[in-house]
Amino acid sequence: MGVRNLEELIDENHAIISLSIGSEYYVRILSFVDKDQLEPGCAILMHNKILSVVGLLQDEVDPMVSVMKVEKAPLESYADIGGLDVQIQ
């Protein structure tokens, strides 16, 4: 299984998806997927062996992921931190 981006809905049962490396594929959408929620740009779950859309990932963010997200770059530099003079020598 893998997370992919939905680029375009072709018809009720087929779509174009893109991989992170830029490749695009024409894939099938399985019957149990809620097609009303599919729209270009959404994240989908794709079965890699059968190249089919098997689910839709919601926009909800896992709290553990949001805690690790860097929203603002730190202002400190390595020179400001220091403390490793002995180890550097």
C-alpha atoms as a PDB file:
ATOM      1  CA  MET A   1       0.000   0.000   0.000  1.00  0.00           C
ATOM      2  CA  GLY A   2       1.118   3.525  -0.629  1.00  0.00           C
ATOM      3  CA  VAL A   3      -0.100   7.095  -0.332  1.00  0.00           C
ATOM      4  CA  ARG A   4      -0.486   8.835  -3.678  1.00  0.00           C
ATOM      5  CA  ASN A   5      -2.011  12.055  -5.025  1.00  0.00           C
ATOM      6  CA  LEU A   6      -5.137  12.018  -7.149  1.00  0.00           C
ATOM      7  CA  GLU A   7      -4.490  14.140 -10.223  1.00  0.00           C
ATOM      8  CA  GLU A   8      -7.650  13.659 -12.283  1.00  0.00           C
ATOM      9  CA  LEU A   9     -10.886  11.669 -12.221  1.00  0.00           C
ATOM     10  CA  ILE A  10     -11.392  10.062 -15.630  1.00  0.00           C
ATOM     11  CA  ASP A  11     -14.767   8.435 -14.951  1.00  0.00           C
ATOM     12  CA  GLU A  12     -16.557   6.785 -12.034  1.00  0.00           C
ATOM     13  CA  ASN A  13     -14.140   3.841 -11.971  1.00  0.00           C
ATOM     14  CA  HIS A  14     -10.798   5.251 -13.159  1.00  0.00           C
ATOM     15  CA  ALA A  15      -8.391   8.036 -12.227  1.00  0.00           C
ATOM     16  CA  ILE A  16      -4.932   9.419 -12.901  1.00  0.00           C
ATOM     17  CA  ILE A  17      -2.668   9.342  -9.845  1.00  0.00           C
ATOM     18  CA  SER A  18       0.852  10.661  -9.384  1.00  0.00           C
ATOM     19  CA  LEU A  19       3.820   9.328  -7.477  1.00  0.00           C
ATOM     20  CA  SER A  20       6.218  11.518  -5.534  1.00  0.00           C
ATOM     21  CA  ILE A  21       8.856  11.003  -8.251  1.00  0.00           C
ATOM     22  CA  GLY A  22       6.595  12.543 -10.889  1.00  0.00           C
ATOM     23  CA  SER A  23       5.278   9.435 -12.655  1.00  0.00           C
ATOM     24  CA  GLU A  24       1.557   9.307 -13.405  1.00  0.00           C
ATOM     25  CA  TYR A  25      -0.608   6.189 -13.721  1.00  0.00           C
ATOM     26  CA  TYR A  26      -4.078   5.390 -14.997  1.00  0.00           C
ATOM     27  CA  VAL A  27      -5.616   3.258 -12.225  1.00  0.00           C
ATOM     28  CA  ARG A  28      -8.887   1.641 -11.256  1.00  0.00           C
ATOM     29  CA  ILE A  29     -11.004   2.867  -8.326  1.00  0.00           C
ATOM     30  CA  LEU A  30     -12.406  -0.088  -6.390  1.00  0.00           C
ATOM     31  CA  SER A  31     -16.166  -0.229  -5.812  1.00  0.00           C
ATOM     32  CA  PHE A  32     -16.045   0.241  -2.019  1.00  0.00           C
ATOM     33  CA  VAL A  33     -14.224   3.610  -2.246  1.00  0.00           C
ATOM     34  CA  ASP A  34     -16.489   6.622  -1.545  1.00  0.00           C
ATOM     35  CA  LYS A  35     -16.244   8.328  -4.921  1.00  0.00           C
ATOM     36  CA  ASP A  36     -18.183  11.407  -3.742  1.00  0.00           C
ATOM     37  CA  GLN A  37     -15.209  12.443  -1.608  1.00  0.00           C
ATOM     38  CA  LEU A  38     -12.610  12.000  -4.353  1.00  0.00           C
ATOM     39  CA  GLU A  39     -11.380  15.219  -5.911  1.00  0.00           C
ATOM     40  CA  PRO A  40      -8.167  16.265  -7.662  1.00  0.00           C
ATOM     41  CA  GLY A  41      -5.383  16.969  -5.200  1.00  0.00           C
ATOM     42  CA  CYS A  42      -6.611  14.666  -2.436  1.00  0.00           C
ATOM     43  CA  ALA A  43      -4.445  11.948  -0.895  1.00  0.00           C
ATOM     44  CA  ILE A  44      -5.505   8.402  -1.701  1.00  0.00           C
ATOM     45  CA  LEU A  45      -4.382   4.963  -0.566  1.00  0.00           C
ATOM     46  CA  MET A  46      -3.282   2.763  -3.460  1.00  0.00           C
ATOM     47  CA  HIS A  47      -2.661  -0.989  -3.516  1.00  0.00           C
ATOM     48  CA  ASN A  48       0.725  -1.350  -5.223  1.00  0.00           C
ATOM     49  CA  LYS A  49       0.278  -4.868  -6.634  1.00  0.00           C
ATOM     50  CA  ILE A  50      -3.061  -4.311  -8.355  1.00  0.00           C
ATOM     51  CA  LEU A  51      -2.550  -0.570  -9.017  1.00  0.00           C
ATOM     52  CA  SER A  52      -5.972   0.358  -7.678  1.00  0.00           C
ATOM     53  CA  VAL A  53      -7.327   3.048  -5.378  1.00  0.00           C
ATOM     54  CA  VAL A  54      -8.479   1.304  -2.188  1.00  0.00           C
ATOM     55  CA  GLY A  55      -9.138   4.261   0.100  1.00  0.00           C
ATOM     56  CA  LEU A  56      -9.150   7.966   0.735  1.00  0.00           C
ATOM     57  CA  LEU A  57      -7.029   9.657   3.390  1.00  0.00           C
ATOM     58  CA  GLN A  58      -8.839  12.327   5.332  1.00  0.00           C
ATOM     59  CA  ASP A  59      -7.383  15.773   5.949  1.00  0.00           C
ATOM     60  CA  GLU A  60      -7.165  15.045   9.670  1.00  0.00           C
ATOM     61  CA  VAL A  61      -3.619  15.186  10.974  1.00  0.00           C
ATOM     62  CA  ASP A  62      -2.247  12.646  13.420  1.00  0.00           C
ATOM     63  CA  PRO A  63      -1.371  14.564  16.622  1.00  0.00           C
ATOM     64  CA  MET A  64       1.979  12.760  16.854  1.00  0.00           C
ATOM     65  CA  VAL A  65       2.897  14.029  13.390  1.00  0.00           C
ATOM     66  CA  SER A  66       1.818  17.609  14.074  1.00  0.00           C
ATOM     67  CA  VAL A  67       4.021  17.731  17.198  1.00  0.00           C
ATOM     68  CA  MET A  68       7.101  16.903  15.100  1.00  0.00           C
ATOM     69  CA  LYS A  69       6.317  19.439  12.381  1.00  0.00           C
ATOM     70  CA  VAL A  70       8.668  22.444  12.244  1.00  0.00           C
ATOM     71  CA  GLU A  71       6.499  25.474  11.548  1.00  0.00           C
ATOM     72  CA  LYS A  72       9.161  28.112  12.087  1.00  0.00           C
ATOM     73  CA  ALA A  73      12.905  27.723  11.606  1.00  0.00           C
ATOM     74  CA  PRO A  74      14.922  28.177  14.810  1.00  0.00           C
ATOM     75  CA  LEU A  75      16.910  31.393  15.174  1.00  0.00           C
ATOM     76  CA  GLU A  76      19.869  29.717  16.919  1.00  0.00           C
ATOM     77  CA  SER A  77      22.932  28.611  15.002  1.00  0.00           C
ATOM     78  CA  TYR A  78      25.536  25.980  15.878  1.00  0.00           C
ATOM     79  CA  ALA A  79      27.840  28.780  17.075  1.00  0.00           C
ATOM     80  CA  ASP A  80      25.191  29.906  19.588  1.00  0.00           C
ATOM     81  CA  ILE A  81      24.798  26.443  21.116  1.00  0.00           C
ATOM     82  CA  GLY A  82      28.432  25.482  21.723  1.00  0.00           C
ATOM     83  CA  GLY A  83      29.471  23.016  24.427  1.00  0.00           C
ATOM     84  CA  LEU A  84      31.351  20.503  22.253  1.00  0.00           C
ATOM     85  CA  ASP A  85      34.800  22.112  22.237  1.00  0.00           C
ATOM     86  CA  VAL A  86      36.474  19.063  23.819  1.00  0.00           C
ATOM     87  CA  GLN A  87      34.784  16.625  21.425  1.00  0.00           C
ATOM     88  CA  ILE A  88      35.663  18.714  18.354  1.00  0.00           C
ATOM     89  CA  GLN A  89      39.401  18.664  19.216  1.00  0.00           C
END
